[in-house]
Protein backbone atom coordinates (compact mmCIF):
# COMPACT_ATOMS: atom_id res chain seq x y z
CA MET A 1 -7.88 -10.50 -44.07
CA ALA A 2 -8.26 -7.50 -46.39
CA GLY A 3 -10.73 -4.95 -44.70
CA GLN A 4 -10.04 -6.65 -40.89
CA ARG A 5 -9.17 -4.44 -38.07
CA LEU A 6 -5.46 -4.52 -37.21
CA ASP A 7 -6.36 -5.57 -33.68
CA ALA A 8 -8.89 -8.27 -34.93
CA GLY A 9 -6.10 -9.65 -37.16
CA LEU A 10 -3.69 -9.94 -34.51
CA ALA A 11 -6.47 -11.77 -32.56
CA ILE A 12 -6.30 -14.26 -35.17
CA LEU A 13 -2.84 -15.11 -35.97
CA ILE A 14 -1.77 -15.02 -32.15
CA PRO A 15 -4.81 -16.10 -30.50
CA GLU A 16 -2.72 -17.19 -27.13
CA TYR A 17 -2.73 -13.40 -26.43
CA SER A 18 -6.01 -11.46 -25.58
CA ARG A 19 -7.41 -8.35 -27.62
CA SER A 20 -6.75 -5.87 -25.23
CA ARG A 21 -3.25 -6.48 -24.78
CA LEU A 22 -2.55 -6.58 -28.83
CA GLN A 23 -4.60 -3.03 -28.75
CA GLY A 24 -1.79 -2.10 -25.81
CA TRP A 25 1.09 -3.12 -27.74
CA ILE A 26 -0.33 -1.35 -31.19
CA ARG A 27 -0.70 2.16 -29.36
CA ALA A 28 2.63 1.62 -27.57
CA GLY A 29 4.35 1.05 -31.25
CA LEU A 30 5.23 -2.35 -31.09
CA VAL A 31 3.15 -3.42 -34.22
CA GLN A 32 4.60 -3.11 -37.60
CA ILE A 33 2.89 -3.14 -40.99
CA ASP A 34 5.21 -3.37 -44.00
CA GLU A 35 8.03 -2.13 -41.69
CA LEU A 36 5.90 0.71 -40.65
CA VAL A 37 4.54 1.35 -37.22
CA ARG A 38 1.10 1.81 -36.85
CA ASN A 39 -0.28 3.08 -33.61
CA ASP A 40 -4.18 2.91 -34.02
CA PRO A 41 -5.70 -0.51 -33.43
CA LYS A 42 -8.56 0.25 -36.12
CA SER A 43 -6.09 0.48 -38.91
CA ARG A 44 -7.64 -1.49 -41.64
CA LEU A 45 -5.63 -4.45 -43.33
CA ARG A 46 -5.33 -4.60 -46.96
CA GLY A 47 -4.42 -8.59 -47.23
CA GLY A 48 -0.95 -9.79 -47.92
CA GLU A 49 1.34 -7.23 -45.46
CA SER A 50 4.07 -8.34 -43.37
CA LEU A 51 3.51 -7.90 -39.73
CA LEU A 52 5.60 -7.51 -37.03
CA VAL A 53 4.57 -7.52 -33.58
CA GLU A 54 7.42 -6.80 -30.59
CA ILE A 55 6.15 -9.05 -28.02
CA GLU A 56 6.30 -7.44 -24.35
CA PRO A 57 6.29 -10.07 -21.27
CA ASP A 58 3.34 -9.56 -19.07
CA PRO A 59 4.44 -7.06 -16.36
CA ALA A 60 2.23 -9.18 -13.83
CA MET A 61 4.78 -11.99 -14.63
CA LEU A 62 7.34 -9.95 -13.12
CA ALA A 63 5.39 -9.90 -9.81
CA ASP A 64 7.59 -12.58 -7.96
CA ALA A 65 11.05 -11.43 -9.31
CA PRO A 66 13.34 -11.16 -6.21
CA GLU A 67 14.83 -7.75 -6.26
CA ASP A 68 17.80 -6.36 -4.55
CA ILE A 69 15.60 -3.39 -2.07
CA PRO A 70 17.08 -2.96 1.14
CA LEU A 71 15.15 -3.80 4.03
CA SER A 72 15.47 -2.26 7.68
CA VAL A 73 14.96 -5.75 9.70
CA VAL A 74 14.47 -5.04 13.33
CA PHE A 75 14.06 -8.92 14.03
CA GLU A 76 14.51 -12.06 12.61
CA ASP A 77 14.72 -15.89 13.44
CA ALA A 78 13.63 -18.90 11.23
CA HIS A 79 10.06 -18.53 12.12
CA ILE A 80 9.35 -14.34 11.42
CA LEU A 81 10.81 -11.30 10.13
CA VAL A 82 9.95 -7.71 11.73
CA LEU A 83 10.97 -4.64 9.40
CA ASN A 84 10.58 -1.41 9.49
CA LYS A 85 9.02 -0.45 5.91
CA PRO A 86 9.77 2.92 4.61
CA ALA A 87 7.01 5.23 3.08
CA GLY A 88 6.86 5.16 -0.40
CA LEU A 89 7.19 1.08 -0.56
CA VAL A 90 4.46 -0.92 -1.90
CA VAL A 91 3.81 -3.97 0.08
CA HIS A 92 2.60 -6.14 -2.55
CA PRO A 93 2.35 -6.21 -6.59
CA GLY A 94 -0.45 -5.10 -8.24
CA SER A 95 -1.91 -2.91 -11.02
CA GLY A 96 0.67 -0.34 -11.83
CA ASN A 97 3.06 -1.70 -9.06
CA TRP A 98 4.50 -5.30 -10.32
CA THR A 99 7.88 -4.50 -9.18
CA GLY A 100 9.86 -2.91 -6.68
CA THR A 101 7.58 -3.90 -3.58
CA LEU A 102 8.23 -5.49 -0.39
CA LEU A 103 7.21 -9.02 -1.70
CA ASN A 104 10.06 -8.69 -4.46
CA ALA A 105 12.58 -7.42 -1.77
CA LEU A 106 12.05 -10.45 0.67
CA LEU A 107 12.27 -12.64 -1.94
CA ALA A 108 15.69 -11.21 -2.58
CA HIS A 109 16.34 -11.42 1.32
CA ALA A 110 15.06 -14.71 1.88
CA PRO A 111 14.56 -16.82 -1.59
CA HIS A 112 13.19 -19.69 0.29
CA LEU A 113 10.05 -17.27 1.06
CA ALA A 114 9.01 -18.35 -2.71
CA GLU A 115 7.60 -21.31 -1.24
CA VAL A 116 5.08 -19.59 1.27
CA PRO A 117 2.03 -17.78 -0.02
CA ARG A 118 2.43 -14.06 -0.68
CA ALA A 119 6.28 -14.32 0.68
CA GLY A 120 4.93 -14.38 4.22
CA ILE A 121 2.92 -11.16 4.22
CA VAL A 122 0.03 -11.17 6.50
CA HIS A 123 -0.95 -7.83 6.83
CA ARG A 124 -0.13 -4.48 5.06
CA LEU A 125 0.80 -0.91 5.35
CA ASP A 126 -0.54 1.87 2.55
CA LYS A 127 2.27 2.67 0.50
CA GLU A 128 2.85 6.28 2.05
CA THR A 129 2.62 4.76 5.78
CA SER A 130 5.96 3.83 7.49
CA GLY A 131 6.68 1.44 10.26
CA LEU A 132 6.58 -1.92 11.82
CA MET A 133 5.05 -5.17 9.78
CA VAL A 134 5.79 -8.90 10.78
CA VAL A 135 6.02 -11.32 7.89
CA ALA A 136 6.11 -15.31 8.33
CA LYS A 137 8.84 -17.15 6.95
CA THR A 138 7.17 -20.87 7.07
CA ILE A 139 3.63 -21.58 6.49
CA PRO A 140 2.96 -23.02 10.10
CA ALA A 141 4.15 -19.24 10.90
CA GLN A 142 2.04 -17.43 8.54
CA THR A 143 -0.87 -19.62 9.70
CA ASP A 144 -0.65 -18.85 13.22
CA LEU A 145 -0.34 -15.16 12.56
CA VAL A 146 -3.21 -14.78 10.69
CA ARG A 147 -5.18 -16.52 13.46
CA GLN A 148 -3.91 -13.88 15.68
CA LEU A 149 -4.91 -11.24 13.58
CA GLN A 150 -8.42 -12.74 13.21
CA ALA A 151 -8.68 -13.15 17.03
CA ARG A 152 -7.09 -9.32 17.27
CA THR A 153 -4.48 -10.20 19.60
CA VAL A 154 -1.95 -8.69 17.47
CA LYS A 155 -1.58 -5.29 19.02
CA ARG A 156 -0.47 -2.42 16.58
CA HIS A 157 0.04 1.27 17.69
CA TYR A 158 0.36 4.09 15.32
CA ALA A 159 1.72 7.70 15.67
CA ALA A 160 -0.25 10.21 13.65
CA VAL A 161 -0.24 13.83 13.03
CA VAL A 162 -3.86 15.08 12.52
CA MET A 163 -5.49 18.52 11.75
CA GLY A 164 -6.72 20.35 14.44
CA TYR A 165 -7.02 19.31 18.00
CA PRO A 166 -9.15 16.33 19.05
CA PRO A 167 -10.33 15.46 22.18
CA VAL A 168 -7.48 14.12 24.83
CA SER A 169 -8.92 10.35 24.03
CA GLY A 170 -11.52 8.75 22.25
CA THR A 171 -12.93 5.77 20.08
CA VAL A 172 -14.29 6.01 16.65
CA ASP A 173 -16.44 2.84 16.24
CA GLU A 174 -17.71 3.11 12.89
CA PRO A 175 -17.86 0.71 10.24
CA ILE A 176 -15.83 0.96 7.00
CA ASP A 177 -16.51 -0.23 3.85
CA ARG A 178 -15.84 0.83 -0.11
CA HIS A 179 -17.22 4.20 -0.87
CA PRO A 180 -20.46 4.02 -2.69
CA THR A 181 -19.31 6.46 -5.73
CA GLN A 182 -15.79 6.72 -5.45
CA ARG A 183 -14.62 3.12 -5.80
CA THR A 184 -10.93 3.83 -5.10
CA LYS A 185 -11.51 5.14 -1.40
CA MET A 186 -12.92 3.74 1.90
CA ALA A 187 -15.40 5.65 3.72
CA VAL A 188 -17.98 4.97 7.17
CA VAL A 189 -20.56 2.98 5.23
CA ARG A 190 -23.44 2.04 7.01
CA GLY A 191 -23.90 -1.75 7.05
CA GLY A 192 -19.96 -1.87 6.30
CA ARG A 193 -17.62 -3.87 8.32
CA GLU A 194 -17.03 -3.34 11.89
CA ALA A 195 -13.82 -0.82 12.48
CA ARG A 196 -12.89 0.71 15.93
CA THR A 197 -9.97 2.92 16.46
CA HIS A 198 -8.76 4.13 19.82
CA PHE A 199 -6.93 7.06 20.07
CA ARG A 200 -5.01 9.28 22.71
CA LEU A 201 -3.66 13.15 22.57
CA VAL A 202 0.24 12.95 22.70
CA GLU A 203 0.94 16.74 22.05
CA ARG A 204 -0.70 19.85 20.46
CA LEU A 205 0.98 21.89 17.84
CA GLN A 206 0.39 24.55 15.80
CA GLY A 207 -2.87 23.98 13.98
CA ALA A 208 -2.18 20.12 14.30
CA SER A 209 -2.01 17.34 16.82
CA TRP A 210 0.13 14.51 17.41
CA ILE A 211 -1.95 11.63 18.82
CA GLU A 212 -1.54 7.64 19.17
CA CYS A 213 -3.88 5.33 17.56
CA VAL A 214 -4.40 1.66 18.93
CA LEU A 215 -6.61 -0.30 16.17
CA ASP A 216 -9.16 -3.31 17.44
CA THR A 217 -9.53 -4.11 13.47
CA GLY A 218 -7.11 -3.58 10.34
CA ARG A 219 -9.63 -2.25 7.80
CA THR A 220 -8.12 -0.65 4.96
CA HIS A 221 -7.26 3.03 5.48
CA GLN A 222 -8.99 2.67 8.98
CA ILE A 223 -7.13 5.53 10.82
CA ARG A 224 -7.27 7.88 7.92
CA VAL A 225 -10.91 7.21 7.26
CA HIS A 226 -12.10 7.56 10.87
CA MET A 227 -9.74 10.48 11.48
CA ALA A 228 -11.20 12.05 8.70
CA HIS A 229 -14.99 11.37 9.71
CA ILE A 230 -14.31 12.95 13.15
CA GLY A 231 -13.34 16.49 11.37
CA HIS A 232 -9.30 15.89 11.81
CA PRO A 233 -7.76 14.10 8.88
CA LEU A 234 -4.29 13.34 8.63
CA VAL A 235 -1.82 15.96 7.65
CA GLY A 236 -0.60 15.44 3.95
CA ASP A 237 -3.49 12.82 3.36
CA PRO A 238 -4.08 13.08 -0.37
CA VAL A 239 -7.21 11.04 -0.37
CA TYR A 240 -9.02 11.92 2.71
CA GLY A 241 -7.91 15.31 3.82
CA GLY A 242 -10.11 17.05 1.88
CA ARG A 243 -9.13 21.02 1.61
CA LYS A 244 -8.03 21.55 5.01
CA SER A 245 -4.20 22.41 4.91
CA LEU A 246 -1.67 23.62 7.55
CA PRO A 247 0.43 27.00 7.00
CA LEU A 248 3.36 27.04 4.97
CA PRO A 249 6.15 25.32 6.01
CA ALA A 250 4.32 22.58 7.16
CA GLY A 251 1.63 22.44 4.34
CA ASP A 252 3.50 20.74 1.80
CA PHE A 253 3.96 17.13 3.76
CA PRO A 254 4.29 14.87 1.04
CA ARG A 255 2.46 11.98 2.41
CA GLN A 256 -0.38 11.32 4.89
CA ALA A 257 1.48 11.56 8.67
CA LEU A 258 1.12 8.37 10.05
CA HIS A 259 3.53 5.65 11.33
CA ALA A 260 3.47 2.29 12.98
CA PHE A 261 5.84 2.69 15.88
CA GLN A 262 4.69 -0.51 17.86
CA LEU A 263 4.00 -3.91 17.51
CA GLY A 264 3.04 -6.70 19.67
CA LEU A 265 2.22 -10.37 19.14
CA LYS A 266 2.62 -13.97 20.41
CA HIS A 267 5.69 -15.61 18.80
CA PRO A 268 4.06 -18.47 16.33
CA ALA A 269 6.48 -21.38 17.29
CA THR A 270 7.40 -20.35 21.29
CA GLY A 271 4.32 -18.83 22.29
CA GLU A 272 6.36 -15.80 23.85
CA GLU A 273 4.94 -12.47 24.14
CA MET A 274 6.93 -10.25 22.10
CA LEU A 275 7.13 -6.22 21.61
CA TRP A 276 8.96 -4.10 19.55
CA ARG A 277 8.89 -0.25 18.94
CA VAL A 278 10.83 1.81 16.53
CA SER A 279 11.33 5.62 16.47
CA LEU A 280 9.19 8.05 14.72
CA ALA A 281 9.84 8.57 10.86
CA ALA A 282 12.65 11.08 10.33
CA ASP A 283 10.04 13.09 8.21
CA ILE A 284 7.47 13.15 10.75
CA GLU A 285 9.63 14.12 13.24
CA GLN A 286 10.84 17.13 11.18
CA LEU A 287 7.19 17.92 10.48
CA MET A 288 6.60 18.11 14.34
CA GLU A 289 9.61 20.24 15.02
CA ARG A 290 8.29 22.52 12.30
CA LEU A 291 5.09 23.28 13.80
CA ARG A 292 6.40 23.20 17.12
CA SER A 293 8.44 26.24 15.94
CA ARG A 294 5.59 27.97 14.43
CA GLY A 295 3.92 27.74 17.87
CA SER A 296 6.68 29.78 19.70
CA GLU A 297 7.23 32.43 17.41
């Protein structure tokens, strides 16, 4: 292998791993040539060296591992589980978040969920959105809940704190799709997927408003995109909030002020109409108190 690049040589010696993975191990200091760490995949081999590779497991292999993460369970029976997700908890493993997710917590809470696709998860909340979610505990329950979501009979109510003063009530009926140039964002896009958000004003605060939103559809980032589209982005939204900010002490709110406080659906086994409500997340309550107190100063 004299003259070969280090990454190319390793790709020949251990072809069961991709070249990009081998390059990552080299840069991470996991490859030694004659007992010396080499961090450059482009390093040239002389031939005859001893290569030592410390194999790291693929982090994606840990995605289905149970983890003892506390869950706030609102309702549970043999068919479904309703929980109050805290802000900061990723729902499903993915790039950069292979562990520490709701899926990992569910597998520890109910190990048999390993037999249900996606551990029974049928809908998501953004990492920094808190509130109610339903999880199916059986495949028939999952099938039924997915059909209810598709039929738009699952009713989800959200509390949000938005910048400025929107109308007393209204509907944003604008299609949403991937942003044409910033692919990590969503946007109102002509020809995108149908998206409809109803909102009503609950309380005017200092420079902001507490509103309630009801979704007819469940597009990614729907409330965040729609409220920003009409000029009232969510307080604390790092993606869609633009340069708008609140005067201190409320301007440092660390997440989008969005909480799923009510969830209604038909029980997948009994057909009974069920409804759950939870209090607002403590940090959103505190945010609104701060904004109320500023209004009285």
